[in-house]
Amino acid sequence: MSEALGNFEGLLREALAVEPPEDLARRLESTLESITEMAADELQEWELSAMRDPRNWVRPAAALVAGGGAGVALVLLRARQRSHGSPVGIGGAREAAERTVRDLGRETRKLFGDR
């Protein structure tokens, strides 16, 4: 019985194995960039005088949340793409962590430095 169950699990694992499309990372990156840019544009157009009425807070708050989330995801995506090709052994864990922190800082400055 356990042999049949193991075979069934293997067949199920093969059937559910899905390879992502080749251009998935590029499409995700462009979508995150456009969300970040739209949120920045929304915040730039918002007038500070409208702050008195709480009903006007919804759009800027949504822009902050969406833009911040997309910006963080974009930074992480780009840092992961850079570090994906480098093999890490036990001795290289510290160097990999330092490189990741540098990449995160560089991507954050690139993304938010122009604003």
PDB file of N, CA and C in Angstrom:
ATOM      1  N   MET A   1       0.815  -1.193   0.000  1.00  0.00           N
ATOM      2  CA  MET A   1       0.000   0.000   0.000  1.00  0.00           C
ATOM      3  C   MET A   1       0.858   1.256   0.000  1.00  0.00           C
ATOM      4  N   SER A   2       1.941   1.269   0.808  1.00  0.00           N
ATOM      5  CA  SER A   2       2.793   2.458   0.877  1.00  0.00           C
ATOM      6  C   SER A   2       3.526   2.680  -0.439  1.00  0.00           C
ATOM      7  N   GLU A   3       3.811   1.589  -1.181  1.00  0.00           N
ATOM      8  CA  GLU A   3       4.465   1.736  -2.482  1.00  0.00           C
ATOM      9  C   GLU A   3       3.536   2.407  -3.480  1.00  0.00           C
ATOM     10  N   ALA A   4       2.275   2.032  -3.475  1.00  0.00           N
ATOM     11  CA  ALA A   4       1.294   2.654  -4.363  1.00  0.00           C
ATOM     12  C   ALA A   4       1.098   4.114  -3.998  1.00  0.00           C
ATOM     13  N   LEU A   5       1.094   4.419  -2.708  1.00  0.00           N
ATOM     14  CA  LEU A   5       0.937   5.794  -2.248  1.00  0.00           C
ATOM     15  C   LEU A   5       2.138   6.634  -2.676  1.00  0.00           C
ATOM     16  N   GLY A   6       3.351   6.095  -2.550  1.00  0.00           N
ATOM     17  CA  GLY A   6       4.552   6.801  -2.978  1.00  0.00           C
ATOM     18  C   GLY A   6       4.542   7.057  -4.474  1.00  0.00           C
ATOM     19  N   ASN A   7       4.083   6.069  -5.256  1.00  0.00           N
ATOM     20  CA  ASN A   7       3.983   6.229  -6.695  1.00  0.00           C
ATOM     21  C   ASN A   7       2.960   7.313  -7.042  1.00  0.00           C
ATOM     22  N   PHE A   8       1.839   7.301  -6.330  1.00  0.00           N
ATOM     23  CA  PHE A   8       0.798   8.301  -6.562  1.00  0.00           C
ATOM     24  C   PHE A   8       1.320   9.703  -6.241  1.00  0.00           C
ATOM     25  N   GLU A   9       2.057   9.832  -5.137  1.00  0.00           N
ATOM     26  CA  GLU A   9       2.624  11.131  -4.772  1.00  0.00           C
ATOM     27  C   GLU A   9       3.622  11.607  -5.817  1.00  0.00           C
ATOM     28  N   GLY A  10       4.428  10.706  -6.331  1.00  0.00           N
ATOM     29  CA  GLY A  10       5.384  11.072  -7.375  1.00  0.00           C
ATOM     30  C   GLY A  10       4.692  11.520  -8.650  1.00  0.00           C
ATOM     31  N   LEU A  11       3.653  10.793  -9.046  1.00  0.00           N
ATOM     32  CA  LEU A  11       2.889  11.184 -10.235  1.00  0.00           C
ATOM     33  C   LEU A  11       2.212  12.535 -10.037  1.00  0.00           C
ATOM     34  N   LEU A  12       1.658  12.746  -8.857  1.00  0.00           N
ATOM     35  CA  LEU A  12       1.007  14.012  -8.560  1.00  0.00           C
ATOM     36  C   LEU A  12       2.015  15.154  -8.566  1.00  0.00           C
ATOM     37  N   ARG A  13       3.195  14.931  -8.006  1.00  0.00           N
ATOM     38  CA  ARG A  13       4.242  15.949  -7.990  1.00  0.00           C
ATOM     39  C   ARG A  13       4.662  16.307  -9.415  1.00  0.00           C
ATOM     40  N   GLU A  14       4.794  15.313 -10.298  1.00  0.00           N
ATOM     41  CA  GLU A  14       5.155  15.571 -11.692  1.00  0.00           C
ATOM     42  C   GLU A  14       4.059  16.330 -12.416  1.00  0.00           C
ATOM     43  N   ALA A  15       2.813  15.980 -12.155  1.00  0.00           N
ATOM     44  CA  ALA A  15       1.697  16.629 -12.833  1.00  0.00           C
ATOM     45  C   ALA A  15       1.557  18.091 -12.416  1.00  0.00           C
ATOM     46  N   LEU A  16       1.900  18.400 -11.178  1.00  0.00           N
ATOM     47  CA  LEU A  16       1.735  19.759 -10.676  1.00  0.00           C
ATOM     48  C   LEU A  16       2.980  20.618 -10.836  1.00  0.00           C
ATOM     49  N   ALA A  17       4.056  20.061 -11.362  1.00  0.00           N
ATOM     50  CA  ALA A  17       5.277  20.835 -11.573  1.00  0.00           C
ATOM     51  C   ALA A  17       5.039  21.832 -12.699  1.00  0.00           C
ATOM     52  N   VAL A  18       5.205  23.095 -12.387  1.00  0.00           N
ATOM     53  CA  VAL A  18       4.959  24.160 -13.364  1.00  0.00           C
ATOM     54  C   VAL A  18       6.216  25.003 -13.478  1.00  0.00           C
ATOM     55  N   GLU A  19       6.662  25.203 -14.685  1.00  0.00           N
ATOM     56  CA  GLU A  19       7.804  26.060 -14.940  1.00  0.00           C
ATOM     57  C   GLU A  19       7.283  27.468 -15.250  1.00  0.00           C
ATOM     58  N   PRO A  20       7.828  28.489 -14.604  1.00  0.00           N
ATOM     59  CA  PRO A  20       7.376  29.854 -14.891  1.00  0.00           C
ATOM     60  C   PRO A  20       7.824  30.282 -16.281  1.00  0.00           C
ATOM     61  N   PRO A  21       7.081  31.184 -16.904  1.00  0.00           N
ATOM     62  CA  PRO A  21       7.484  31.680 -18.223  1.00  0.00           C
ATOM     63  C   PRO A  21       8.844  32.371 -18.150  1.00  0.00           C
ATOM     64  N   GLU A  22       9.538  32.389 -19.261  1.00  0.00           N
ATOM     65  CA  GLU A  22      10.880  32.971 -19.319  1.00  0.00           C
ATOM     66  C   GLU A  22      10.887  34.457 -18.963  1.00  0.00           C
ATOM     67  N   ASP A  23       9.872  35.180 -19.388  1.00  0.00           N
ATOM     68  CA  ASP A  23       9.862  36.622 -19.193  1.00  0.00           C
ATOM     69  C   ASP A  23       9.088  37.059 -17.948  1.00  0.00           C
ATOM     70  N   LEU A  24       8.847  36.153 -17.017  1.00  0.00           N
ATOM     71  CA  LEU A  24       8.082  36.475 -15.820  1.00  0.00           C
ATOM     72  C   LEU A  24       8.766  37.549 -14.982  1.00  0.00           C
ATOM     73  N   ALA A  25      10.052  37.441 -14.766  1.00  0.00           N
ATOM     74  CA  ALA A  25      10.774  38.425 -13.944  1.00  0.00           C
ATOM     75  C   ALA A  25      10.736  39.800 -14.592  1.00  0.00           C
ATOM     76  N   ARG A  26      10.898  39.850 -15.909  1.00  0.00           N
ATOM     77  CA  ARG A  26      10.864  41.140 -16.615  1.00  0.00           C
ATOM     78  C   ARG A  26       9.485  41.775 -16.519  1.00  0.00           C
ATOM     79  N   ARG A  27       8.427  40.972 -16.704  1.00  0.00           N
ATOM     80  CA  ARG A  27       7.062  41.508 -16.611  1.00  0.00           C
ATOM     81  C   ARG A  27       6.739  41.964 -15.200  1.00  0.00           C
ATOM     82  N   LEU A  28       7.173  41.196 -14.218  1.00  0.00           N
ATOM     83  CA  LEU A  28       6.936  41.569 -12.829  1.00  0.00           C
ATOM     84  C   LEU A  28       7.657  42.867 -12.489  1.00  0.00           C
ATOM     85  N   GLU A  29       8.888  42.978 -12.937  1.00  0.00           N
ATOM     86  CA  GLU A  29       9.665  44.189 -12.685  1.00  0.00           C
ATOM     87  C   GLU A  29       9.021  45.412 -13.332  1.00  0.00           C
ATOM     88  N   SER A  30       8.557  45.296 -14.564  1.00  0.00           N
ATOM     89  CA  SER A  30       7.933  46.443 -15.227  1.00  0.00           C
ATOM     90  C   SER A  30       6.604  46.810 -14.566  1.00  0.00           C
ATOM     91  N   THR A  31       5.863  45.818 -14.094  1.00  0.00           N
ATOM     92  CA  THR A  31       4.613  46.109 -13.391  1.00  0.00           C
ATOM     93  C   THR A  31       4.875  46.827 -12.081  1.00  0.00           C
ATOM     94  N   LEU A  32       5.876  46.359 -11.325  1.00  0.00           N
ATOM     95  CA  LEU A  32       6.213  47.011 -10.065  1.00  0.00           C
ATOM     96  C   LEU A  32       6.719  48.429 -10.289  1.00  0.00           C
ATOM     97  N   GLU A  33       7.504  48.636 -11.344  1.00  0.00           N
ATOM     98  CA  GLU A  33       7.977  49.985 -11.664  1.00  0.00           C
ATOM     99  C   GLU A  33       6.819  50.910 -11.988  1.00  0.00           C
ATOM    100  N   SER A  34       5.855  50.435 -12.772  1.00  0.00           N
ATOM    101  CA  SER A  34       4.726  51.297 -13.131  1.00  0.00           C
ATOM    102  C   SER A  34       3.857  51.620 -11.924  1.00  0.00           C
ATOM    103  N   ILE A  35       3.670  50.660 -11.009  1.00  0.00           N
ATOM    104  CA  ILE A  35       2.901  50.928  -9.787  1.00  0.00           C
ATOM    105  C   ILE A  35       3.611  51.981  -8.942  1.00  0.00           C
ATOM    106  N   THR A  36       4.923  51.850  -8.810  1.00  0.00           N
ATOM    107  CA  THR A  36       5.695  52.813  -8.028  1.00  0.00           C
ATOM    108  C   THR A  36       5.618  54.204  -8.639  1.00  0.00           C
ATOM    109  N   GLU A  37       5.728  54.288  -9.953  1.00  0.00           N
ATOM    110  CA  GLU A  37       5.651  55.591 -10.632  1.00  0.00           C
ATOM    111  C   GLU A  37       4.262  56.208 -10.515  1.00  0.00           C
ATOM    112  N   MET A  38       3.210  55.392 -10.651  1.00  0.00           N
ATOM    113  CA  MET A  38       1.853  55.920 -10.513  1.00  0.00           C
ATOM    114  C   MET A  38       1.598  56.431  -9.102  1.00  0.00           C
ATOM    115  N   ALA A  39       2.102  55.712  -8.111  1.00  0.00           N
ATOM    116  CA  ALA A  39       1.929  56.154  -6.732  1.00  0.00           C
ATOM    117  C   ALA A  39       2.677  57.460  -6.479  1.00  0.00           C
ATOM    118  N   ALA A  40       3.888  57.575  -7.017  1.00  0.00           N
ATOM    119  CA  ALA A  40       4.660  58.810  -6.855  1.00  0.00           C
ATOM    120  C   ALA A  40       3.951  59.976  -7.535  1.00  0.00           C
ATOM    121  N   ASP A  41       3.397  59.750  -8.721  1.00  0.00           N
ATOM    122  CA  ASP A  41       2.656  60.801  -9.412  1.00  0.00           C
ATOM    123  C   ASP A  41       1.423  61.228  -8.618  1.00  0.00           C
ATOM    124  N   GLU A  42       0.724  60.262  -8.050  1.00  0.00           N
ATOM    125  CA  GLU A  42      -0.459  60.568  -7.241  1.00  0.00           C
ATOM    126  C   GLU A  42      -0.084  61.414  -6.035  1.00  0.00           C
ATOM    127  N   LEU A  43       1.017  61.075  -5.396  1.00  0.00           N
ATOM    128  CA  LEU A  43       1.443  61.837  -4.228  1.00  0.00           C
ATOM    129  C   LEU A  43       1.940  63.231  -4.599  1.00  0.00           C
ATOM    130  N   GLN A  44       2.550  63.377  -5.756  1.00  0.00           N
ATOM    131  CA  GLN A  44       3.019  64.689  -6.192  1.00  0.00           C
ATOM    132  C   GLN A  44       1.860  65.622  -6.504  1.00  0.00           C
ATOM    133  N   GLU A  45       0.770  65.068  -7.018  1.00  0.00           N
ATOM    134  CA  GLU A  45      -0.380  65.887  -7.389  1.00  0.00           C
ATOM    135  C   GLU A  45      -1.258  66.241  -6.190  1.00  0.00           C
ATOM    136  N   TRP A  46      -1.061  65.565  -5.086  1.00  0.00           N
ATOM    137  CA  TRP A  46      -1.902  65.783  -3.917  1.00  0.00           C
ATOM    138  C   TRP A  46      -1.562  67.116  -3.268  1.00  0.00           C
ATOM    139  N   GLU A  47      -2.581  67.859  -2.905  1.00  0.00           N
ATOM    140  CA  GLU A  47      -2.376  69.165  -2.298  1.00  0.00           C
ATOM    141  C   GLU A  47      -2.389  69.045  -0.780  1.00  0.00           C
ATOM    142  N   LEU A  48      -1.468  69.702  -0.156  1.00  0.00           N
ATOM    143  CA  LEU A  48      -1.360  69.641   1.297  1.00  0.00           C
ATOM    144  C   LEU A  48      -2.556  70.305   1.977  1.00  0.00           C
ATOM    145  N   SER A  49      -3.185  71.251   1.301  1.00  0.00           N
ATOM    146  CA  SER A  49      -4.337  71.925   1.888  1.00  0.00           C
ATOM    147  C   SER A  49      -5.527  70.984   2.048  1.00  0.00           C
ATOM    148  N   ALA A  50      -5.561  69.902   1.294  1.00  0.00           N
ATOM    149  CA  ALA A  50      -6.663  68.943   1.388  1.00  0.00           C
ATOM    150  C   ALA A  50      -6.543  68.058   2.621  1.00  0.00           C
ATOM    151  N   MET A  51      -5.485  68.196   3.369  1.00  0.00           N
ATOM    152  CA  MET A  51      -5.247  67.370   4.543  1.00  0.00           C
ATOM    153  C   MET A  51      -6.273  67.622   5.647  1.00  0.00           C
ATOM    154  N   ARG A  52      -6.915  68.770   5.633  1.00  0.00           N
ATOM    155  CA  ARG A  52      -7.868  69.112   6.689  1.00  0.00           C
ATOM    156  C   ARG A  52      -9.081  68.200   6.695  1.00  0.00           C
ATOM    157  N   ASP A  53      -9.477  67.734   5.547  1.00  0.00           N
ATOM    158  CA  ASP A  53     -10.669  66.886   5.437  1.00  0.00           C
ATOM    159  C   ASP A  53     -10.239  65.420   5.373  1.00  0.00           C
ATOM    160  N   PRO A  54     -10.591  64.614   6.382  1.00  0.00           N
ATOM    161  CA  PRO A  54     -10.162  63.204   6.395  1.00  0.00           C
ATOM    162  C   PRO A  54     -10.698  62.377   5.226  1.00  0.00           C
ATOM    163  N   ARG A  55     -11.737  62.835   4.593  1.00  0.00           N
ATOM    164  CA  ARG A  55     -12.257  62.095   3.429  1.00  0.00           C
ATOM    165  C   ARG A  55     -11.273  62.110   2.270  1.00  0.00           C
ATOM    166  N   ASN A  56     -10.380  63.062   2.271  1.00  0.00           N
ATOM    167  CA  ASN A  56      -9.387  63.170   1.194  1.00  0.00           C
ATOM    168  C   ASN A  56      -8.127  62.357   1.465  1.00  0.00           C
ATOM    169  N   TRP A  57      -8.059  61.673   2.576  1.00  0.00           N
ATOM    170  CA  TRP A  57      -6.861  60.940   2.938  1.00  0.00           C
ATOM    171  C   TRP A  57      -6.768  59.575   2.275  1.00  0.00           C
ATOM    172  N   VAL A  58      -7.845  59.086   1.698  1.00  0.00           N
ATOM    173  CA  VAL A  58      -7.868  57.713   1.175  1.00  0.00           C
ATOM    174  C   VAL A  58      -6.902  57.543   0.001  1.00  0.00           C
ATOM    175  N   ARG A  59      -6.967  58.411  -0.963  1.00  0.00           N
ATOM    176  CA  ARG A  59      -6.100  58.257  -2.150  1.00  0.00           C
ATOM    177  C   ARG A  59      -4.618  58.370  -1.819  1.00  0.00           C
ATOM    178  N   PRO A  60      -4.196  59.375  -1.043  1.00  0.00           N
ATOM    179  CA  PRO A  60      -2.766  59.419  -0.695  1.00  0.00           C
ATOM    180  C   PRO A  60      -2.330  58.228   0.148  1.00  0.00           C
ATOM    181  N   ALA A  61      -3.186  57.784   1.057  1.00  0.00           N
ATOM    182  CA  ALA A  61      -2.831  56.624   1.882  1.00  0.00           C
ATOM    183  C   ALA A  61      -2.690  55.378   1.015  1.00  0.00           C
ATOM    184  N   ALA A  62      -3.613  55.194   0.073  1.00  0.00           N
ATOM    185  CA  ALA A  62      -3.520  54.047  -0.837  1.00  0.00           C
ATOM    186  C   ALA A  62      -2.268  54.149  -1.711  1.00  0.00           C
ATOM    187  N   ALA A  63      -1.939  55.356  -2.149  1.00  0.00           N
ATOM    188  CA  ALA A  63      -0.735  55.548  -2.962  1.00  0.00           C
ATOM    189  C   ALA A  63       0.519  55.231  -2.152  1.00  0.00           C
ATOM    190  N   LEU A  64       0.539  55.632  -0.883  1.00  0.00           N
ATOM    191  CA  LEU A  64       1.687  55.318  -0.033  1.00  0.00           C
ATOM    192  C   LEU A  64       1.846  53.821   0.166  1.00  0.00           C
ATOM    193  N   VAL A  65       0.756  53.147   0.439  1.00  0.00           N
ATOM    194  CA  VAL A  65       0.823  51.707   0.677  1.00  0.00           C
ATOM    195  C   VAL A  65       1.216  50.961  -0.600  1.00  0.00           C
ATOM    196  N   ALA A  66       0.544  51.289  -1.710  1.00  0.00           N
ATOM    197  CA  ALA A  66       0.827  50.592  -2.974  1.00  0.00           C
ATOM    198  C   ALA A  66       2.241  50.896  -3.467  1.00  0.00           C
ATOM    199  N   GLY A  67       2.620  52.167  -3.441  1.00  0.00           N
ATOM    200  CA  GLY A  67       3.950  52.546  -3.908  1.00  0.00           C
ATOM    201  C   GLY A  67       5.056  52.006  -3.028  1.00  0.00           C
ATOM    202  N   GLY A  68       4.837  52.047  -1.721  1.00  0.00           N
ATOM    203  CA  GLY A  68       5.837  51.505  -0.803  1.00  0.00           C
ATOM    204  C   GLY A  68       5.999  50.006  -0.964  1.00  0.00           C
ATOM    205  N   GLY A  69       4.884  49.302  -1.054  1.00  0.00           N
ATOM    206  CA  GLY A  69       4.948  47.850  -1.238  1.00  0.00           C
ATOM    207  C   GLY A  69       5.598  47.464  -2.550  1.00  0.00           C
ATOM    208  N   ALA A  70       5.223  48.164  -3.623  1.00  0.00           N
ATOM    209  CA  ALA A  70       5.812  47.871  -4.930  1.00  0.00           C
ATOM    210  C   ALA A  70       7.298  48.222  -4.949  1.00  0.00           C
ATOM    211  N   GLY A  71       7.667  49.319  -4.287  1.00  0.00           N
ATOM    212  CA  GLY A  71       9.072  49.711  -4.233  1.00  0.00           C
ATOM    213  C   GLY A  71       9.922  48.689  -3.492  1.00  0.00           C
ATOM    214  N   VAL A  72       9.427  48.224  -2.368  1.00  0.00           N
ATOM    215  CA  VAL A  72      10.153  47.216  -1.594  1.00  0.00           C
ATOM    216  C   VAL A  72      10.271  45.920  -2.393  1.00  0.00           C
ATOM    217  N   ALA A  73       9.171  45.514  -3.027  1.00  0.00           N
ATOM    218  CA  ALA A  73       9.209  44.283  -3.827  1.00  0.00           C
ATOM    219  C   ALA A  73      10.186  44.415  -4.991  1.00  0.00           C
ATOM    220  N   LEU A  74      10.227  45.584  -5.606  1.00  0.00           N
ATOM    221  CA  LEU A  74      11.140  45.810  -6.725  1.00  0.00           C
ATOM    222  C   LEU A  74      12.598  45.759  -6.269  1.00  0.00           C
ATOM    223  N   VAL A  75      12.885  46.369  -5.142  1.00  0.00           N
ATOM    224  CA  VAL A  75      14.240  46.331  -4.599  1.00  0.00           C
ATOM    225  C   VAL A  75      14.654  44.892  -4.294  1.00  0.00           C
ATOM    226  N   LEU A  76      13.784  44.136  -3.657  1.00  0.00           N
ATOM    227  CA  LEU A  76      14.090  42.744  -3.329  1.00  0.00           C
ATOM    228  C   LEU A  76      14.249  41.894  -4.583  1.00  0.00           C
ATOM    229  N   LEU A  77      13.400  42.121  -5.581  1.00  0.00           N
ATOM    230  CA  LEU A  77      13.491  41.366  -6.830  1.00  0.00           C
ATOM    231  C   LEU A  77      14.824  41.607  -7.518  1.00  0.00           C
ATOM    232  N   ARG A  78      15.232  42.860  -7.602  1.00  0.00           N
ATOM    233  CA  ARG A  78      16.498  43.180  -8.268  1.00  0.00           C
ATOM    234  C   ARG A  78      17.700  42.652  -7.488  1.00  0.00           C
ATOM    235  N   ALA A  79      17.641  42.737  -6.166  1.00  0.00           N
ATOM    236  CA  ALA A  79      18.748  42.217  -5.363  1.00  0.00           C
ATOM    237  C   ALA A  79      18.842  40.701  -5.498  1.00  0.00           C
ATOM    238  N   ARG A  80      17.710  40.039  -5.550  1.00  0.00           N
ATOM    239  CA  ARG A  80      17.711  38.583  -5.702  1.00  0.00           C
ATOM    240  C   ARG A  80      18.248  38.176  -7.071  1.00  0.00           C
ATOM    241  N   GLN A  81      17.905  38.943  -8.117  1.00  0.00           N
ATOM    242  CA  GLN A  81      18.413  38.633  -9.446  1.00  0.00           C
ATOM    243  C   GLN A  81      19.929  38.731  -9.480  1.00  0.00           C
ATOM    244  N   ARG A  82      20.491  39.712  -8.773  1.00  0.00           N
ATOM    245  CA  ARG A  82      21.948  39.861  -8.748  1.00  0.00           C
ATOM    246  C   ARG A  82      22.621  38.724  -8.005  1.00  0.00           C
ATOM    247  N   SER A  83      22.024  38.309  -6.897  1.00  0.00           N
ATOM    248  CA  SER A  83      22.675  37.294  -6.075  1.00  0.00           C
ATOM    249  C   SER A  83      22.342  35.875  -6.502  1.00  0.00           C
ATOM    250  N   HIS A  84      21.421  35.710  -7.431  1.00  0.00           N
ATOM    251  CA  HIS A  84      20.977  34.380  -7.833  1.00  0.00           C
ATOM    252  C   HIS A  84      22.079  33.571  -8.498  1.00  0.00           C
ATOM    253  N   GLY A  85      22.964  34.228  -9.228  1.00  0.00           N
ATOM    254  CA  GLY A  85      23.981  33.498  -9.964  1.00  0.00           C
ATOM    255  C   GLY A  85      25.218  33.137  -9.165  1.00  0.00           C
ATOM    256  N   SER A  86      25.377  33.676  -7.969  1.00  0.00           N
ATOM    257  CA  SER A  86      26.607  33.431  -7.233  1.00  0.00           C
ATOM    258  C   SER A  86      26.426  32.297  -6.233  1.00  0.00           C
ATOM    259  N   PRO A  87      27.231  31.237  -6.349  1.00  0.00           N
ATOM    260  CA  PRO A  87      27.126  30.139  -5.394  1.00  0.00           C
ATOM    261  C   PRO A  87      27.694  30.545  -4.033  1.00  0.00           C
ATOM    262  N   VAL A  88      27.046  30.066  -2.985  1.00  0.00           N
ATOM    263  CA  VAL A  88      27.460  30.420  -1.635  1.00  0.00           C
ATOM    264  C   VAL A  88      27.774  29.148  -0.871  1.00  0.00           C
ATOM    265  N   GLY A  89      28.963  29.089  -0.308  1.00  0.00           N
ATOM    266  CA  GLY A  89      29.319  27.982   0.561  1.00  0.00           C
ATOM    267  C   GLY A  89      29.184  28.407   2.008  1.00  0.00           C
ATOM    268  N   ILE A  90      29.625  27.550   2.886  1.00  0.00           N
ATOM    269  CA  ILE A  90      29.521  27.881   4.305  1.00  0.00           C
ATOM    270  C   ILE A  90      30.388  29.097   4.637  1.00  0.00           C
ATOM    271  N   GLY A  91      31.569  29.170   4.084  1.00  0.00           N
ATOM    272  CA  GLY A  91      32.462  30.296   4.367  1.00  0.00           C
ATOM    273  C   GLY A  91      32.037  31.587   3.709  1.00  0.00           C
ATOM    274  N   GLY A  92      31.211  31.521   2.665  1.00  0.00           N
ATOM    275  CA  GLY A  92      30.815  32.724   1.948  1.00  0.00           C
ATOM    276  C   GLY A  92      29.493  33.308   2.393  1.00  0.00           C
ATOM    277  N   ALA A  93      28.951  32.833   3.484  1.00  0.00           N
ATOM    278  CA  ALA A  93      27.643  33.329   3.933  1.00  0.00           C
ATOM    279  C   ALA A  93      27.711  34.796   4.342  1.00  0.00           C
ATOM    280  N   ARG A  94      28.774  35.180   5.026  1.00  0.00           N
ATOM    281  CA  ARG A  94      28.893  36.575   5.448  1.00  0.00           C
ATOM    282  C   ARG A  94      29.049  37.498   4.248  1.00  0.00           C
ATOM    283  N   GLU A  95      29.880  37.091   3.296  1.00  0.00           N
ATOM    284  CA  GLU A  95      30.070  37.905   2.094  1.00  0.00           C
ATOM    285  C   GLU A  95      28.771  38.039   1.312  1.00  0.00           C
ATOM    286  N   ALA A  96      28.004  36.957   1.247  1.00  0.00           N
ATOM    287  CA  ALA A  96      26.721  37.010   0.539  1.00  0.00           C
ATOM    288  C   ALA A  96      25.758  37.946   1.243  1.00  0.00           C
ATOM    289  N   ALA A  97      25.738  37.928   2.563  1.00  0.00           N
ATOM    290  CA  ALA A  97      24.860  38.826   3.316  1.00  0.00           C
ATOM    291  C   ALA A  97      25.272  40.281   3.104  1.00  0.00           C
ATOM    292  N   GLU A  98      26.568  40.550   3.137  1.00  0.00           N
ATOM    293  CA  GLU A  98      27.050  41.914   2.918  1.00  0.00           C
ATOM    294  C   GLU A  98      26.729  42.390   1.505  1.00  0.00           C
ATOM    295  N   ARG A  99      26.898  41.516   0.524  1.00  0.00           N
ATOM    296  CA  ARG A  99      26.578  41.869  -0.859  1.00  0.00           C
ATOM    297  C   ARG A  99      25.098  42.154  -1.017  1.00  0.00           C
ATOM    298  N   THR A 100      24.261  41.357  -0.356  1.00  0.00           N
ATOM    299  CA  THR A 100      22.822  41.558  -0.432  1.00  0.00           C
ATOM    300  C   THR A 100      22.433  42.899   0.167  1.00  0.00           C
ATOM    301  N   VAL A 101      23.025  43.254   1.292  1.00  0.00           N
ATOM    302  CA  VAL A 101      22.722  44.544   1.918  1.00  0.00           C
ATOM    303  C   VAL A 101      23.172  45.688   1.011  1.00  0.00           C
ATOM    304  N   ARG A 102      24.343  45.555   0.407  1.00  0.00           N
ATOM    305  CA  ARG A 102      24.810  46.591  -0.534  1.00  0.00           C
ATOM    306  C   ARG A 102      23.878  46.703  -1.726  1.00  0.00           C
ATOM    307  N   ASP A 103      23.440  45.562  -2.276  1.00  0.00           N
ATOM    308  CA  ASP A 103      22.522  45.574  -3.408  1.00  0.00           C
ATOM    309  C   ASP A 103      21.194  46.226  -3.040  1.00  0.00           C
ATOM    310  N   LEU A 104      20.690  45.906  -1.855  1.00  0.00           N
ATOM    311  CA  LEU A 104      19.439  46.513  -1.410  1.00  0.00           C
ATOM    312  C   LEU A 104      19.579  48.025  -1.286  1.00  0.00           C
ATOM    313  N   GLY A 105      20.686  48.477  -0.733  1.00  0.00           N
ATOM    314  CA  GLY A 105      20.915  49.917  -0.616  1.00  0.00           C
ATOM    315  C   GLY A 105      21.031  50.590  -1.971  1.00  0.00           C
ATOM    316  N   ARG A 106      21.752  49.974  -2.888  1.00  0.00           N
ATOM    317  CA  ARG A 106      21.932  50.547  -4.222  1.00  0.00           C
ATOM    318  C   ARG A 106      20.603  50.634  -4.964  1.00  0.00           C
ATOM    319  N   GLU A 107      19.816  49.562  -4.910  1.00  0.00           N
ATOM    320  CA  GLU A 107      18.532  49.565  -5.600  1.00  0.00           C
ATOM    321  C   GLU A 107      17.559  50.552  -4.965  1.00  0.00           C
ATOM    322  N   THR A 108      17.610  50.694  -3.649  1.00  0.00           N
ATOM    323  CA  THR A 108      16.746  51.659  -2.977  1.00  0.00           C
ATOM    324  C   THR A 108      17.110  53.070  -3.389  1.00  0.00           C
ATOM    325  N   ARG A 109      18.400  53.375  -3.439  1.00  0.00           N
ATOM    326  CA  ARG A 109      18.826  54.706  -3.873  1.00  0.00           C
ATOM    327  C   ARG A 109      18.431  54.961  -5.323  1.00  0.00           C
ATOM    328  N   LYS A 110      18.560  53.955  -6.186  1.00  0.00           N
ATOM    329  CA  LYS A 110      18.168  54.121  -7.591  1.00  0.00           C
ATOM    330  C   LYS A 110      16.690  54.388  -7.712  1.00  0.00           C
ATOM    331  N   LEU A 111      15.904  53.650  -6.947  1.00  0.00           N
ATOM    332  CA  LEU A 111      14.451  53.750  -7.066  1.00  0.00           C
ATOM    333  C   LEU A 111      13.922  55.036  -6.475  1.00  0.00           C
ATOM    334  N   PHE A 112      14.384  55.409  -5.289  1.00  0.00           N
ATOM    335  CA  PHE A 112      13.839  56.565  -4.598  1.00  0.00           C
ATOM    336  C   PHE A 112      14.732  57.792  -4.666  1.00  0.00           C
ATOM    337  N   GLY A 113      15.914  57.658  -5.211  1.00  0.00           N
ATOM    338  CA  GLY A 113      16.821  58.793  -5.275  1.00  0.00           C
ATOM    339  C   GLY A 113      16.393  59.865  -6.248  1.00  0.00           C
ATOM    340  N   ASP A 114      15.668  59.509  -7.290  1.00  0.00           N
ATOM    341  CA  ASP A 114      15.237  60.456  -8.301  1.00  0.00           C
ATOM    342  C   ASP A 114      14.030  61.257  -7.865  1.00  0.00           C
ATOM    343  N   ARG A 115      13.395  60.884  -6.800  1.00  0.00           N
ATOM    344  CA  ARG A 115      12.156  61.535  -6.381  1.00  0.00           C
ATOM    345  C   ARG A 115      12.425  62.663  -5.422  1.00  0.00           C
TER     346      ARG A 115
END
